[in-house]
Amino acid sequence: MASALPNIHMFFVPLVVAAGALTLIVAIILLVQRRRLSDSNIPLSQSSPVLARVFRWLLIVTGVLGAIQAAIGGLIWLLGGRPGDPLHFVYGGIVLLAIPVAYAYSDQKRVRRDVIIMLIAAVAIIGAAIRALMTGAGLPPH
């Protein structure tokens, strides 16, 4: 099982990047749609109900995939595996925490601002996941 963990960890990289990219695309579409409504505080569920639901689910999926990725990485570390560069932990932490931190900064009142905050989190996840991939190759678990 320990020898399969790095492969599983690598398997999740494109999933995290793809989920982050889809979240980013939907956030951009929502922002473009919201621009027509000025910066009103009409909830997303009233102005774009289907797209709002998709956006929320993509945020959840991206966050869960990031958490799974971090948990697998933690298991690899506990079993003795080490990344090629210690910065791998920083990038992994960004992937894990970007959406929860962004949610904490959103006030759930100013809709456009909240979408922008989540869009920034999606960009951070995409970038951090790619950088984590570049810094991850290291010593396999014993």
N, C-alpha and C. Protein backbone atom coordinates (compact mmCIF):
# COMPACT_ATOMS: atom_id res chain seq x y z
N MET A 1 0.82 -1.20 0.00
CA MET A 1 0.00 0.00 0.00
C MET A 1 0.87 1.26 0.00
N ALA A 2 1.95 1.23 0.79
CA ALA A 2 2.81 2.41 0.89
C ALA A 2 3.42 2.77 -0.46
N SER A 3 3.73 1.79 -1.27
CA SER A 3 4.33 2.09 -2.58
C SER A 3 3.29 2.64 -3.55
N ALA A 4 2.01 2.38 -3.33
CA ALA A 4 0.96 2.89 -4.21
C ALA A 4 0.57 4.33 -3.87
N LEU A 5 0.85 4.77 -2.65
CA LEU A 5 0.44 6.11 -2.23
C LEU A 5 1.00 7.23 -3.11
N PRO A 6 2.29 7.21 -3.48
CA PRO A 6 2.77 8.28 -4.36
C PRO A 6 2.04 8.31 -5.71
N ASN A 7 1.68 7.13 -6.24
CA ASN A 7 0.93 7.09 -7.49
C ASN A 7 -0.47 7.66 -7.31
N ILE A 8 -1.10 7.35 -6.20
CA ILE A 8 -2.43 7.90 -5.91
C ILE A 8 -2.33 9.41 -5.74
N HIS A 9 -1.28 9.84 -5.03
CA HIS A 9 -1.04 11.27 -4.82
C HIS A 9 -0.88 11.98 -6.17
N MET A 10 -0.16 11.37 -7.09
CA MET A 10 0.01 11.95 -8.43
C MET A 10 -1.29 11.92 -9.22
N PHE A 11 -2.10 10.89 -9.03
CA PHE A 11 -3.36 10.77 -9.74
C PHE A 11 -4.29 11.95 -9.44
N PHE A 12 -4.23 12.46 -8.21
CA PHE A 12 -5.12 13.54 -7.80
C PHE A 12 -4.70 14.92 -8.32
N VAL A 13 -3.46 15.06 -8.76
CA VAL A 13 -2.98 16.38 -9.23
C VAL A 13 -3.84 16.91 -10.37
N PRO A 14 -4.02 16.16 -11.47
CA PRO A 14 -4.85 16.72 -12.55
C PRO A 14 -6.30 16.93 -12.13
N LEU A 15 -6.79 16.13 -11.20
CA LEU A 15 -8.16 16.32 -10.72
C LEU A 15 -8.30 17.64 -9.98
N VAL A 16 -7.32 17.95 -9.12
CA VAL A 16 -7.35 19.22 -8.37
C VAL A 16 -7.23 20.39 -9.34
N VAL A 17 -6.32 20.30 -10.29
CA VAL A 17 -6.14 21.39 -11.27
C VAL A 17 -7.41 21.56 -12.11
N ALA A 18 -7.99 20.46 -12.57
CA ALA A 18 -9.21 20.54 -13.39
C ALA A 18 -10.38 21.13 -12.59
N ALA A 19 -10.56 20.68 -11.36
CA ALA A 19 -11.64 21.22 -10.53
C ALA A 19 -11.42 22.71 -10.27
N GLY A 20 -10.17 23.09 -9.99
CA GLY A 20 -9.87 24.51 -9.79
C GLY A 20 -10.12 25.33 -11.05
N ALA A 21 -9.76 24.77 -12.19
CA ALA A 21 -9.97 25.47 -13.47
C ALA A 21 -11.46 25.63 -13.78
N LEU A 22 -12.24 24.58 -13.55
CA LEU A 22 -13.68 24.68 -13.77
C LEU A 22 -14.31 25.71 -12.83
N THR A 23 -13.86 25.71 -11.58
CA THR A 23 -14.35 26.69 -10.62
C THR A 23 -14.01 28.10 -11.09
N LEU A 24 -12.81 28.28 -11.58
CA LEU A 24 -12.38 29.59 -12.09
C LEU A 24 -13.25 30.03 -13.28
N ILE A 25 -13.50 29.13 -14.20
CA ILE A 25 -14.31 29.45 -15.38
C ILE A 25 -15.73 29.86 -14.98
N VAL A 26 -16.33 29.09 -14.08
CA VAL A 26 -17.70 29.41 -13.64
C VAL A 26 -17.71 30.73 -12.88
N ALA A 27 -16.68 30.99 -12.07
CA ALA A 27 -16.60 32.27 -11.35
C ALA A 27 -16.53 33.44 -12.33
N ILE A 28 -15.75 33.30 -13.38
CA ILE A 28 -15.64 34.36 -14.38
C ILE A 28 -16.99 34.59 -15.06
N ILE A 29 -17.68 33.50 -15.41
CA ILE A 29 -19.00 33.63 -16.03
C ILE A 29 -19.96 34.34 -15.08
N LEU A 30 -19.94 33.97 -13.81
CA LEU A 30 -20.80 34.62 -12.82
C LEU A 30 -20.48 36.11 -12.72
N LEU A 31 -19.20 36.45 -12.73
CA LEU A 31 -18.82 37.86 -12.63
C LEU A 31 -19.31 38.65 -13.85
N VAL A 32 -19.19 38.06 -15.00
CA VAL A 32 -19.67 38.74 -16.22
C VAL A 32 -21.19 38.93 -16.14
N GLN A 33 -21.89 37.92 -15.69
CA GLN A 33 -23.34 38.05 -15.54
C GLN A 33 -23.71 39.08 -14.49
N ARG A 34 -22.97 39.10 -13.39
CA ARG A 34 -23.26 40.03 -12.30
C ARG A 34 -22.99 41.47 -12.71
N ARG A 35 -22.09 41.67 -13.65
CA ARG A 35 -21.76 43.03 -14.08
C ARG A 35 -22.99 43.73 -14.64
N ARG A 36 -23.86 42.96 -15.29
CA ARG A 36 -25.10 43.53 -15.82
C ARG A 36 -26.01 43.99 -14.70
N LEU A 37 -25.87 43.40 -13.52
CA LEU A 37 -26.72 43.76 -12.38
C LEU A 37 -26.07 44.82 -11.52
N SER A 38 -25.06 45.49 -12.04
CA SER A 38 -24.20 46.42 -11.29
C SER A 38 -23.57 45.66 -10.14
N ASP A 39 -23.44 46.26 -8.98
CA ASP A 39 -22.86 45.56 -7.85
C ASP A 39 -23.93 45.32 -6.80
N SER A 40 -25.10 45.00 -7.26
CA SER A 40 -26.21 44.77 -6.33
C SER A 40 -25.95 43.54 -5.49
N ASN A 41 -26.67 43.45 -4.43
CA ASN A 41 -26.49 42.33 -3.51
C ASN A 41 -27.57 41.27 -3.70
N ILE A 42 -28.07 41.17 -4.92
CA ILE A 42 -29.02 40.11 -5.22
C ILE A 42 -28.29 38.78 -5.08
N PRO A 43 -28.80 37.87 -4.28
CA PRO A 43 -28.11 36.59 -4.11
C PRO A 43 -27.92 35.87 -5.44
N LEU A 44 -26.84 35.13 -5.53
CA LEU A 44 -26.58 34.36 -6.74
C LEU A 44 -27.73 33.43 -7.07
N SER A 45 -28.34 32.88 -6.05
CA SER A 45 -29.41 31.91 -6.28
C SER A 45 -30.61 32.54 -6.96
N GLN A 46 -30.76 33.86 -6.89
CA GLN A 46 -31.86 34.53 -7.57
C GLN A 46 -31.48 34.98 -8.97
N SER A 47 -30.25 35.39 -9.16
CA SER A 47 -29.86 35.91 -10.47
C SER A 47 -29.40 34.81 -11.43
N SER A 48 -28.74 33.78 -10.94
CA SER A 48 -28.25 32.66 -11.76
C SER A 48 -28.34 31.38 -10.96
N PRO A 49 -29.55 30.86 -10.75
CA PRO A 49 -29.69 29.72 -9.83
C PRO A 49 -28.90 28.48 -10.22
N VAL A 50 -28.92 28.09 -11.47
CA VAL A 50 -28.21 26.87 -11.88
C VAL A 50 -26.71 27.08 -11.79
N LEU A 51 -26.25 28.19 -12.31
CA LEU A 51 -24.81 28.48 -12.30
C LEU A 51 -24.30 28.65 -10.87
N ALA A 52 -25.11 29.26 -10.01
CA ALA A 52 -24.72 29.41 -8.61
C ALA A 52 -24.57 28.06 -7.94
N ARG A 53 -25.49 27.15 -8.24
CA ARG A 53 -25.42 25.81 -7.66
C ARG A 53 -24.18 25.07 -8.16
N VAL A 54 -23.90 25.19 -9.45
CA VAL A 54 -22.71 24.57 -10.04
C VAL A 54 -21.45 25.15 -9.38
N PHE A 55 -21.43 26.46 -9.20
CA PHE A 55 -20.28 27.12 -8.58
C PHE A 55 -20.05 26.61 -7.17
N ARG A 56 -21.11 26.52 -6.39
CA ARG A 56 -20.97 26.03 -5.01
C ARG A 56 -20.47 24.59 -4.98
N TRP A 57 -21.02 23.75 -5.86
CA TRP A 57 -20.58 22.35 -5.90
C TRP A 57 -19.13 22.24 -6.35
N LEU A 58 -18.73 23.07 -7.31
CA LEU A 58 -17.34 23.04 -7.75
C LEU A 58 -16.40 23.48 -6.63
N LEU A 59 -16.80 24.47 -5.85
CA LEU A 59 -16.00 24.88 -4.69
C LEU A 59 -15.86 23.72 -3.71
N ILE A 60 -16.95 23.03 -3.45
CA ILE A 60 -16.92 21.89 -2.53
C ILE A 60 -16.02 20.78 -3.08
N VAL A 61 -16.20 20.44 -4.34
CA VAL A 61 -15.40 19.37 -4.96
C VAL A 61 -13.91 19.73 -4.93
N THR A 62 -13.60 20.98 -5.29
CA THR A 62 -12.20 21.41 -5.29
C THR A 62 -11.61 21.34 -3.88
N GLY A 63 -12.37 21.80 -2.90
CA GLY A 63 -11.90 21.74 -1.52
C GLY A 63 -11.70 20.33 -1.01
N VAL A 64 -12.64 19.45 -1.35
CA VAL A 64 -12.53 18.04 -0.92
C VAL A 64 -11.35 17.36 -1.60
N LEU A 65 -11.18 17.60 -2.90
CA LEU A 65 -10.03 17.01 -3.60
C LEU A 65 -8.72 17.51 -2.99
N GLY A 66 -8.66 18.79 -2.64
CA GLY A 66 -7.46 19.33 -1.98
C GLY A 66 -7.21 18.67 -0.64
N ALA A 67 -8.29 18.43 0.11
CA ALA A 67 -8.15 17.78 1.42
C ALA A 67 -7.69 16.33 1.27
N ILE A 68 -8.25 15.62 0.29
CA ILE A 68 -7.82 14.24 0.03
C ILE A 68 -6.35 14.22 -0.37
N GLN A 69 -5.98 15.14 -1.24
CA GLN A 69 -4.58 15.22 -1.69
C GLN A 69 -3.65 15.45 -0.50
N ALA A 70 -4.05 16.37 0.38
CA ALA A 70 -3.22 16.65 1.57
C ALA A 70 -3.15 15.45 2.51
N ALA A 71 -4.27 14.75 2.67
CA ALA A 71 -4.28 13.58 3.55
C ALA A 71 -3.36 12.48 3.01
N ILE A 72 -3.42 12.26 1.71
CA ILE A 72 -2.53 11.25 1.10
C ILE A 72 -1.08 11.68 1.24
N GLY A 73 -0.81 12.96 1.01
CA GLY A 73 0.55 13.47 1.20
C GLY A 73 1.02 13.31 2.63
N GLY A 74 0.12 13.54 3.57
CA GLY A 74 0.46 13.34 4.98
C GLY A 74 0.79 11.89 5.29
N LEU A 75 0.04 10.98 4.71
CA LEU A 75 0.34 9.55 4.90
C LEU A 75 1.70 9.19 4.32
N ILE A 76 1.98 9.73 3.14
CA ILE A 76 3.29 9.47 2.52
C ILE A 76 4.39 9.97 3.44
N TRP A 77 4.20 11.16 4.00
CA TRP A 77 5.21 11.74 4.90
C TRP A 77 5.36 10.86 6.15
N LEU A 78 4.24 10.43 6.72
CA LEU A 78 4.29 9.58 7.92
C LEU A 78 5.01 8.26 7.66
N LEU A 79 4.92 7.78 6.42
CA LEU A 79 5.56 6.52 6.07
C LEU A 79 7.01 6.71 5.62
N GLY A 80 7.51 7.94 5.70
CA GLY A 80 8.92 8.18 5.41
C GLY A 80 9.21 8.83 4.08
N GLY A 81 8.22 9.06 3.27
CA GLY A 81 8.44 9.72 1.99
C GLY A 81 8.68 11.21 2.20
N ARG A 82 9.54 11.78 1.40
CA ARG A 82 9.84 13.21 1.51
C ARG A 82 9.82 13.83 0.12
N PRO A 83 9.30 15.05 0.02
CA PRO A 83 9.31 15.72 -1.30
C PRO A 83 10.71 16.15 -1.68
N GLY A 84 10.89 16.44 -2.96
CA GLY A 84 12.19 16.88 -3.44
C GLY A 84 12.56 18.25 -2.88
N ASP A 85 11.59 19.08 -2.58
CA ASP A 85 11.82 20.44 -2.11
C ASP A 85 10.84 20.70 -0.95
N PRO A 86 11.33 21.23 0.17
CA PRO A 86 10.43 21.51 1.30
C PRO A 86 9.30 22.50 0.96
N LEU A 87 9.46 23.28 -0.09
CA LEU A 87 8.38 24.18 -0.52
C LEU A 87 7.13 23.41 -0.93
N HIS A 88 7.28 22.14 -1.20
CA HIS A 88 6.13 21.29 -1.55
C HIS A 88 5.06 21.38 -0.46
N PHE A 89 5.48 21.45 0.80
CA PHE A 89 4.53 21.55 1.91
C PHE A 89 3.77 22.87 1.88
N VAL A 90 4.44 23.95 1.50
CA VAL A 90 3.78 25.26 1.40
C VAL A 90 2.72 25.22 0.30
N TYR A 91 3.09 24.71 -0.86
CA TYR A 91 2.13 24.63 -1.96
C TYR A 91 0.97 23.70 -1.62
N GLY A 92 1.27 22.59 -0.97
CA GLY A 92 0.21 21.69 -0.53
C GLY A 92 -0.72 22.35 0.48
N GLY A 93 -0.15 23.15 1.36
CA GLY A 93 -0.96 23.89 2.33
C GLY A 93 -1.88 24.90 1.65
N ILE A 94 -1.39 25.53 0.60
CA ILE A 94 -2.23 26.47 -0.16
C ILE A 94 -3.40 25.73 -0.80
N VAL A 95 -3.11 24.58 -1.41
CA VAL A 95 -4.17 23.78 -2.03
C VAL A 95 -5.21 23.38 -0.98
N LEU A 96 -4.75 22.99 0.19
CA LEU A 96 -5.64 22.55 1.26
C LEU A 96 -6.47 23.70 1.83
N LEU A 97 -5.86 24.86 2.03
CA LEU A 97 -6.51 25.92 2.80
C LEU A 97 -7.11 27.06 1.99
N ALA A 98 -6.87 27.13 0.69
CA ALA A 98 -7.32 28.29 -0.09
C ALA A 98 -8.83 28.51 0.01
N ILE A 99 -9.62 27.49 -0.20
CA ILE A 99 -11.08 27.66 -0.17
C ILE A 99 -11.59 27.93 1.25
N PRO A 100 -11.15 27.19 2.27
CA PRO A 100 -11.64 27.54 3.62
C PRO A 100 -11.26 28.96 4.05
N VAL A 101 -10.05 29.40 3.72
CA VAL A 101 -9.64 30.76 4.07
C VAL A 101 -10.46 31.78 3.28
N ALA A 102 -10.65 31.52 1.99
CA ALA A 102 -11.46 32.43 1.16
C ALA A 102 -12.88 32.50 1.71
N TYR A 103 -13.44 31.39 2.11
CA TYR A 103 -14.79 31.39 2.66
C TYR A 103 -14.84 32.22 3.95
N ALA A 104 -13.80 32.11 4.77
CA ALA A 104 -13.76 32.89 6.01
C ALA A 104 -13.70 34.39 5.72
N TYR A 105 -13.06 34.78 4.62
CA TYR A 105 -12.98 36.20 4.25
C TYR A 105 -14.24 36.69 3.55
N SER A 106 -15.04 35.80 3.01
CA SER A 106 -16.28 36.24 2.36
C SER A 106 -17.31 36.48 3.45
N ASP A 107 -18.15 37.49 3.24
CA ASP A 107 -19.14 37.81 4.26
C ASP A 107 -20.53 37.31 3.91
N GLN A 108 -20.68 36.67 2.74
CA GLN A 108 -21.95 36.12 2.28
C GLN A 108 -23.02 37.19 2.11
N LYS A 109 -22.61 38.46 2.03
CA LYS A 109 -23.56 39.55 1.83
C LYS A 109 -23.29 40.27 0.51
N ARG A 110 -22.03 40.56 0.25
CA ARG A 110 -21.66 41.24 -1.00
C ARG A 110 -21.27 40.17 -2.01
N VAL A 111 -22.24 39.82 -2.82
CA VAL A 111 -22.12 38.65 -3.68
C VAL A 111 -20.96 38.76 -4.65
N ARG A 112 -20.85 39.87 -5.35
CA ARG A 112 -19.78 40.03 -6.34
C ARG A 112 -18.41 39.91 -5.67
N ARG A 113 -18.26 40.54 -4.53
CA ARG A 113 -16.99 40.48 -3.79
C ARG A 113 -16.67 39.04 -3.39
N ASP A 114 -17.69 38.30 -2.95
CA ASP A 114 -17.48 36.92 -2.54
C ASP A 114 -17.04 36.05 -3.71
N VAL A 115 -17.64 36.26 -4.88
CA VAL A 115 -17.25 35.50 -6.06
C VAL A 115 -15.80 35.82 -6.43
N ILE A 116 -15.42 37.09 -6.32
CA ILE A 116 -14.03 37.48 -6.62
C ILE A 116 -13.07 36.81 -5.65
N ILE A 117 -13.43 36.76 -4.37
CA ILE A 117 -12.58 36.10 -3.38
C ILE A 117 -12.41 34.62 -3.72
N MET A 118 -13.49 33.95 -4.09
CA MET A 118 -13.41 32.54 -4.43
C MET A 118 -12.66 32.33 -5.75
N LEU A 119 -12.78 33.27 -6.67
CA LEU A 119 -12.02 33.21 -7.93
C LEU A 119 -10.52 33.27 -7.63
N ILE A 120 -10.14 34.14 -6.72
CA ILE A 120 -8.72 34.24 -6.34
C ILE A 120 -8.26 32.93 -5.69
N ALA A 121 -9.13 32.33 -4.88
CA ALA A 121 -8.78 31.03 -4.27
C ALA A 121 -8.57 29.97 -5.34
N ALA A 122 -9.43 29.97 -6.36
CA ALA A 122 -9.29 28.99 -7.44
C ALA A 122 -7.97 29.19 -8.18
N VAL A 123 -7.60 30.43 -8.45
CA VAL A 123 -6.32 30.72 -9.10
C VAL A 123 -5.16 30.24 -8.22
N ALA A 124 -5.27 30.50 -6.92
CA ALA A 124 -4.22 30.06 -5.99
C ALA A 124 -4.08 28.54 -5.98
N ILE A 125 -5.21 27.84 -6.03
CA ILE A 125 -5.18 26.38 -6.02
C ILE A 125 -4.53 25.84 -7.29
N ILE A 126 -4.91 26.41 -8.43
CA ILE A 126 -4.33 25.95 -9.70
C ILE A 126 -2.81 26.16 -9.68
N GLY A 127 -2.40 27.35 -9.33
CA GLY A 127 -0.96 27.65 -9.30
C GLY A 127 -0.20 26.82 -8.29
N ALA A 128 -0.77 26.68 -7.09
CA ALA A 128 -0.09 25.92 -6.05
C ALA A 128 -0.03 24.43 -6.39
N ALA A 129 -1.08 23.91 -6.99
CA ALA A 129 -1.06 22.49 -7.37
C ALA A 129 0.01 22.21 -8.43
N ILE A 130 0.13 23.11 -9.38
CA ILE A 130 1.16 22.95 -10.41
C ILE A 130 2.55 23.07 -9.81
N ARG A 131 2.73 24.05 -8.93
CA ARG A 131 4.05 24.21 -8.28
C ARG A 131 4.34 23.03 -7.35
N ALA A 132 3.34 22.51 -6.68
CA ALA A 132 3.54 21.34 -5.81
C ALA A 132 3.99 20.15 -6.65
N LEU A 133 3.41 20.01 -7.81
CA LEU A 133 3.82 18.93 -8.72
C LEU A 133 5.30 19.07 -9.10
N MET A 134 5.73 20.31 -9.31
CA MET A 134 7.12 20.57 -9.72
C MET A 134 8.11 20.34 -8.58
N THR A 135 7.66 20.45 -7.33
CA THR A 135 8.57 20.32 -6.19
C THR A 135 8.40 19.00 -5.46
N GLY A 136 7.52 18.13 -5.95
CA GLY A 136 7.17 16.95 -5.19
C GLY A 136 8.06 15.74 -5.32
N ALA A 137 8.67 15.55 -6.47
CA ALA A 137 9.46 14.32 -6.65
C ALA A 137 10.60 14.27 -5.65
N GLY A 138 10.61 13.25 -4.88
CA GLY A 138 11.64 13.14 -3.84
C GLY A 138 11.85 11.69 -3.46
N LEU A 139 12.13 11.48 -2.20
CA LEU A 139 12.37 10.13 -1.70
C LEU A 139 11.05 9.41 -1.49
N PRO A 140 10.89 8.22 -2.05
CA PRO A 140 9.67 7.45 -1.83
C PRO A 140 9.64 6.90 -0.40
N PRO A 141 8.45 6.51 0.08
CA PRO A 141 8.38 5.90 1.40
C PRO A 141 9.14 4.58 1.44
N HIS A 142 9.65 4.23 2.59
CA HIS A 142 10.42 3.00 2.76
C HIS A 142 9.52 1.80 2.72
